[in-house]
Amino acid sequence: MRPLADRTAHLSVVGDAAVPLPERPAALLAEMAEQLTATAADAPLAALRAAGVLERIAARAGRQAAGALCDDGVPDEAVATALGTTRSQALVLLLTARVR
C-alpha cells in the first residue's frame, strides 16, 4: 500500500508544478474530445478526418511553441517541470514538435 501512496503523492506534486492550461483552451479541448468521441460512434470517417485536421493544428502549434522555447533558451529541466514530465520525455516532445 505504501508504494501506491508514494506514487500518488509524487503525481500530485508533479501535477501541481505543471503549467496549467488556460481556461478557454482547456474547455475547447474537453468539448473537442466529447464531440470527436460522439462523432466516432456516429460517423467514423468524419471523426477520422477531424482527427487528422486536429493533428495538423497540434503539430503547427507544437512547432511554434517548441521554437519559441528553444529561441528563448528555456532549460530542458524547466520545460520538463512545466509539462509535468521527465527531462528525457520533455526533450522527445521538443524534438518531435520541431521536426513535425
N, C-alpha and C. Protein backbone atom coordinates (compact mmCIF):
# COMPACT_ATOMS: atom_id res chain seq x y z
N MET A 1 0.82 -1.19 0.00
CA MET A 1 0.00 0.00 0.00
C MET A 1 0.87 1.25 0.00
N ARG A 2 1.98 1.22 0.66
CA ARG A 2 2.84 2.40 0.76
C ARG A 2 3.37 2.86 -0.59
N PRO A 3 3.82 1.95 -1.50
CA PRO A 3 4.29 2.42 -2.80
C PRO A 3 3.21 3.16 -3.58
N LEU A 4 1.96 2.71 -3.48
CA LEU A 4 0.87 3.38 -4.17
C LEU A 4 0.66 4.78 -3.60
N ALA A 5 0.72 4.90 -2.29
CA ALA A 5 0.57 6.21 -1.65
C ALA A 5 1.72 7.13 -2.05
N ASP A 6 2.94 6.59 -2.12
CA ASP A 6 4.09 7.39 -2.54
C ASP A 6 3.92 7.86 -3.98
N ARG A 7 3.46 6.97 -4.84
CA ARG A 7 3.26 7.32 -6.25
C ARG A 7 2.18 8.38 -6.39
N THR A 8 1.10 8.23 -5.67
CA THR A 8 0.01 9.20 -5.71
C THR A 8 0.49 10.57 -5.24
N ALA A 9 1.28 10.59 -4.17
CA ALA A 9 1.82 11.85 -3.66
C ALA A 9 2.76 12.48 -4.68
N HIS A 10 3.60 11.65 -5.30
CA HIS A 10 4.53 12.16 -6.31
C HIS A 10 3.78 12.77 -7.49
N LEU A 11 2.76 12.06 -7.98
CA LEU A 11 1.98 12.56 -9.11
C LEU A 11 1.28 13.87 -8.76
N SER A 12 0.86 13.99 -7.52
CA SER A 12 0.22 15.22 -7.07
C SER A 12 1.20 16.39 -7.11
N VAL A 13 2.42 16.14 -6.63
CA VAL A 13 3.45 17.19 -6.65
C VAL A 13 3.81 17.57 -8.08
N VAL A 14 3.98 16.57 -8.94
CA VAL A 14 4.31 16.82 -10.34
C VAL A 14 3.18 17.60 -11.01
N GLY A 15 1.96 17.18 -10.76
CA GLY A 15 0.81 17.86 -11.36
C GLY A 15 0.68 19.30 -10.89
N ASP A 16 0.98 19.53 -9.62
CA ASP A 16 0.91 20.89 -9.08
C ASP A 16 1.97 21.80 -9.68
N ALA A 17 3.11 21.23 -10.08
CA ALA A 17 4.20 22.01 -10.65
C ALA A 17 4.01 22.27 -12.14
N ALA A 18 3.16 21.48 -12.79
CA ALA A 18 2.95 21.64 -14.24
C ALA A 18 2.20 22.93 -14.52
N VAL A 19 2.53 23.52 -15.65
CA VAL A 19 1.86 24.76 -16.05
C VAL A 19 0.39 24.44 -16.35
N PRO A 20 -0.53 25.23 -15.80
CA PRO A 20 -1.94 24.95 -16.06
C PRO A 20 -2.33 25.41 -17.47
N LEU A 21 -3.28 24.69 -18.04
CA LEU A 21 -3.80 25.12 -19.33
C LEU A 21 -4.70 26.34 -19.09
N PRO A 22 -4.62 27.31 -19.99
CA PRO A 22 -5.56 28.43 -19.87
C PRO A 22 -6.99 27.91 -19.96
N GLU A 23 -7.90 28.59 -19.30
CA GLU A 23 -9.28 28.12 -19.18
C GLU A 23 -9.95 27.88 -20.53
N ARG A 24 -9.84 28.81 -21.44
CA ARG A 24 -10.53 28.69 -22.74
C ARG A 24 -10.02 27.49 -23.55
N PRO A 25 -8.68 27.35 -23.75
CA PRO A 25 -8.23 26.17 -24.48
C PRO A 25 -8.59 24.86 -23.77
N ALA A 26 -8.54 24.83 -22.45
CA ALA A 26 -8.90 23.61 -21.72
C ALA A 26 -10.36 23.24 -21.98
N ALA A 27 -11.24 24.23 -21.98
CA ALA A 27 -12.66 23.98 -22.23
C ALA A 27 -12.86 23.52 -23.67
N LEU A 28 -12.16 24.16 -24.60
CA LEU A 28 -12.28 23.76 -26.01
C LEU A 28 -11.78 22.34 -26.24
N LEU A 29 -10.68 21.98 -25.59
CA LEU A 29 -10.15 20.62 -25.73
C LEU A 29 -11.12 19.59 -25.16
N ALA A 30 -11.71 19.90 -24.02
CA ALA A 30 -12.68 18.97 -23.42
C ALA A 30 -13.89 18.81 -24.34
N GLU A 31 -14.37 19.92 -24.89
CA GLU A 31 -15.51 19.85 -25.81
C GLU A 31 -15.14 19.08 -27.08
N MET A 32 -13.93 19.32 -27.59
CA MET A 32 -13.48 18.62 -28.79
C MET A 32 -13.42 17.12 -28.54
N ALA A 33 -12.91 16.72 -27.39
CA ALA A 33 -12.84 15.30 -27.06
C ALA A 33 -14.23 14.67 -27.04
N GLU A 34 -15.18 15.36 -26.43
CA GLU A 34 -16.55 14.85 -26.38
C GLU A 34 -17.14 14.74 -27.79
N GLN A 35 -16.96 15.78 -28.59
CA GLN A 35 -17.52 15.80 -29.94
C GLN A 35 -16.90 14.71 -30.81
N LEU A 36 -15.58 14.55 -30.73
CA LEU A 36 -14.92 13.53 -31.54
C LEU A 36 -15.35 12.12 -31.13
N THR A 37 -15.52 11.91 -29.84
CA THR A 37 -15.98 10.61 -29.36
C THR A 37 -17.38 10.31 -29.89
N ALA A 38 -18.26 11.29 -29.82
CA ALA A 38 -19.62 11.11 -30.32
C ALA A 38 -19.61 10.91 -31.83
N THR A 39 -18.80 11.68 -32.54
CA THR A 39 -18.72 11.56 -33.99
C THR A 39 -18.16 10.21 -34.40
N ALA A 40 -17.18 9.71 -33.65
CA ALA A 40 -16.60 8.40 -33.97
C ALA A 40 -17.65 7.30 -33.91
N ALA A 41 -18.59 7.44 -33.00
CA ALA A 41 -19.66 6.43 -32.89
C ALA A 41 -20.65 6.54 -34.04
N ASP A 42 -20.95 7.78 -34.47
CA ASP A 42 -21.97 8.01 -35.49
C ASP A 42 -21.42 8.07 -36.92
N ALA A 43 -20.24 8.65 -37.06
CA ALA A 43 -19.67 8.86 -38.39
C ALA A 43 -18.15 8.70 -38.31
N PRO A 44 -17.68 7.44 -38.25
CA PRO A 44 -16.26 7.21 -38.02
C PRO A 44 -15.33 7.84 -39.06
N LEU A 45 -15.73 7.89 -40.30
CA LEU A 45 -14.87 8.52 -41.31
C LEU A 45 -14.73 10.02 -41.06
N ALA A 46 -15.82 10.66 -40.69
CA ALA A 46 -15.76 12.09 -40.38
C ALA A 46 -14.88 12.33 -39.14
N ALA A 47 -15.00 11.44 -38.16
CA ALA A 47 -14.18 11.58 -36.96
C ALA A 47 -12.69 11.40 -37.30
N LEU A 48 -12.40 10.45 -38.17
CA LEU A 48 -11.01 10.23 -38.57
C LEU A 48 -10.46 11.45 -39.31
N ARG A 49 -11.29 12.03 -40.18
CA ARG A 49 -10.86 13.23 -40.88
C ARG A 49 -10.63 14.36 -39.90
N ALA A 50 -11.54 14.55 -38.95
CA ALA A 50 -11.39 15.60 -37.94
C ALA A 50 -10.13 15.37 -37.10
N ALA A 51 -9.84 14.12 -36.78
CA ALA A 51 -8.63 13.81 -36.01
C ALA A 51 -7.38 14.21 -36.79
N GLY A 52 -7.38 13.98 -38.09
CA GLY A 52 -6.25 14.38 -38.92
C GLY A 52 -6.07 15.89 -38.94
N VAL A 53 -7.18 16.62 -39.05
CA VAL A 53 -7.11 18.09 -39.01
C VAL A 53 -6.56 18.55 -37.66
N LEU A 54 -7.06 17.93 -36.60
CA LEU A 54 -6.60 18.29 -35.25
C LEU A 54 -5.11 18.00 -35.06
N GLU A 55 -4.64 16.88 -35.62
CA GLU A 55 -3.21 16.56 -35.54
C GLU A 55 -2.37 17.62 -36.24
N ARG A 56 -2.83 18.09 -37.40
CA ARG A 56 -2.08 19.13 -38.12
C ARG A 56 -2.06 20.44 -37.35
N ILE A 57 -3.18 20.79 -36.74
CA ILE A 57 -3.24 22.00 -35.93
C ILE A 57 -2.29 21.88 -34.73
N ALA A 58 -2.33 20.72 -34.07
CA ALA A 58 -1.47 20.49 -32.90
C ALA A 58 0.00 20.50 -33.29
N ALA A 59 0.34 19.92 -34.43
CA ALA A 59 1.73 19.89 -34.88
C ALA A 59 2.24 21.31 -35.15
N ARG A 60 1.41 22.12 -35.80
CA ARG A 60 1.81 23.50 -36.09
C ARG A 60 2.01 24.29 -34.79
N ALA A 61 1.07 24.17 -33.87
CA ALA A 61 1.18 24.88 -32.60
C ALA A 61 2.38 24.37 -31.80
N GLY A 62 2.62 23.06 -31.85
CA GLY A 62 3.78 22.48 -31.16
C GLY A 62 5.09 22.99 -31.72
N ARG A 63 5.18 23.10 -33.05
CA ARG A 63 6.40 23.65 -33.68
C ARG A 63 6.64 25.08 -33.22
N GLN A 64 5.59 25.87 -33.21
CA GLN A 64 5.73 27.26 -32.79
C GLN A 64 6.16 27.36 -31.33
N ALA A 65 5.53 26.56 -30.48
CA ALA A 65 5.86 26.59 -29.05
C ALA A 65 7.28 26.09 -28.79
N ALA A 66 7.64 24.97 -29.42
CA ALA A 66 8.99 24.42 -29.23
C ALA A 66 10.04 25.40 -29.74
N GLY A 67 9.76 26.02 -30.88
CA GLY A 67 10.70 27.01 -31.42
C GLY A 67 10.87 28.19 -30.49
N ALA A 68 9.78 28.67 -29.93
CA ALA A 68 9.85 29.80 -29.01
C ALA A 68 10.64 29.43 -27.75
N LEU A 69 10.40 28.22 -27.23
CA LEU A 69 11.13 27.79 -26.03
C LEU A 69 12.63 27.68 -26.32
N CYS A 70 12.97 27.12 -27.47
CA CYS A 70 14.38 26.99 -27.83
C CYS A 70 15.01 28.36 -28.08
N ASP A 71 14.29 29.24 -28.80
CA ASP A 71 14.80 30.58 -29.06
C ASP A 71 15.03 31.36 -27.77
N ASP A 72 14.15 31.14 -26.80
CA ASP A 72 14.27 31.84 -25.51
C ASP A 72 15.29 31.19 -24.58
N GLY A 73 15.82 30.04 -24.98
CA GLY A 73 16.82 29.36 -24.17
C GLY A 73 16.27 28.78 -22.88
N VAL A 74 15.01 28.36 -22.90
CA VAL A 74 14.41 27.76 -21.71
C VAL A 74 15.09 26.42 -21.46
N PRO A 75 15.63 26.22 -20.25
CA PRO A 75 16.32 24.97 -19.94
C PRO A 75 15.39 23.75 -20.01
N ASP A 76 15.96 22.63 -20.40
CA ASP A 76 15.20 21.38 -20.52
C ASP A 76 14.48 21.02 -19.22
N GLU A 77 15.16 21.22 -18.12
CA GLU A 77 14.56 20.89 -16.82
C GLU A 77 13.33 21.75 -16.54
N ALA A 78 13.38 23.02 -16.94
CA ALA A 78 12.23 23.90 -16.75
C ALA A 78 11.06 23.45 -17.61
N VAL A 79 11.35 23.02 -18.83
CA VAL A 79 10.30 22.51 -19.72
C VAL A 79 9.70 21.25 -19.10
N ALA A 80 10.55 20.36 -18.62
CA ALA A 80 10.06 19.11 -18.01
C ALA A 80 9.16 19.40 -16.82
N THR A 81 9.57 20.30 -15.95
CA THR A 81 8.77 20.65 -14.78
C THR A 81 7.43 21.25 -15.21
N ALA A 82 7.48 22.16 -16.17
CA ALA A 82 6.26 22.82 -16.63
C ALA A 82 5.29 21.84 -17.28
N LEU A 83 5.82 20.81 -17.92
CA LEU A 83 4.97 19.82 -18.58
C LEU A 83 4.59 18.67 -17.65
N GLY A 84 5.20 18.63 -16.48
CA GLY A 84 4.91 17.54 -15.55
C GLY A 84 5.47 16.22 -16.00
N THR A 85 6.68 16.26 -16.59
CA THR A 85 7.28 15.05 -17.13
C THR A 85 8.77 15.03 -16.81
N THR A 86 9.46 14.02 -17.30
CA THR A 86 10.90 13.92 -17.09
C THR A 86 11.65 14.75 -18.12
N ARG A 87 12.92 15.00 -17.87
CA ARG A 87 13.75 15.75 -18.81
C ARG A 87 13.83 15.03 -20.15
N SER A 88 14.01 13.70 -20.11
CA SER A 88 14.13 12.96 -21.37
C SER A 88 12.82 12.99 -22.15
N GLN A 89 11.69 12.88 -21.47
CA GLN A 89 10.41 12.95 -22.17
C GLN A 89 10.17 14.36 -22.72
N ALA A 90 10.59 15.37 -21.99
CA ALA A 90 10.45 16.75 -22.47
C ALA A 90 11.29 16.95 -23.73
N LEU A 91 12.50 16.40 -23.73
CA LEU A 91 13.35 16.52 -24.92
C LEU A 91 12.72 15.84 -26.13
N VAL A 92 12.13 14.68 -25.92
CA VAL A 92 11.45 13.98 -27.01
C VAL A 92 10.30 14.84 -27.54
N LEU A 93 9.53 15.42 -26.63
CA LEU A 93 8.43 16.27 -27.07
C LEU A 93 8.93 17.48 -27.85
N LEU A 94 9.98 18.11 -27.36
CA LEU A 94 10.55 19.28 -28.05
C LEU A 94 11.07 18.91 -29.42
N LEU A 95 11.84 17.83 -29.49
CA LEU A 95 12.42 17.42 -30.76
C LEU A 95 11.34 16.98 -31.75
N THR A 96 10.36 16.25 -31.27
CA THR A 96 9.27 15.80 -32.13
C THR A 96 8.49 16.99 -32.66
N ALA A 97 8.22 17.95 -31.80
CA ALA A 97 7.48 19.14 -32.23
C ALA A 97 8.26 19.93 -33.26
N ARG A 98 9.57 19.99 -33.09
CA ARG A 98 10.39 20.80 -34.01
C ARG A 98 10.46 20.19 -35.42
N VAL A 99 10.36 18.86 -35.54
CA VAL A 99 10.52 18.22 -36.85
C VAL A 99 9.18 17.91 -37.53
N ARG A 100 8.09 18.13 -36.87
CA ARG A 100 6.77 17.86 -37.49
C ARG A 100 6.48 18.84 -38.57
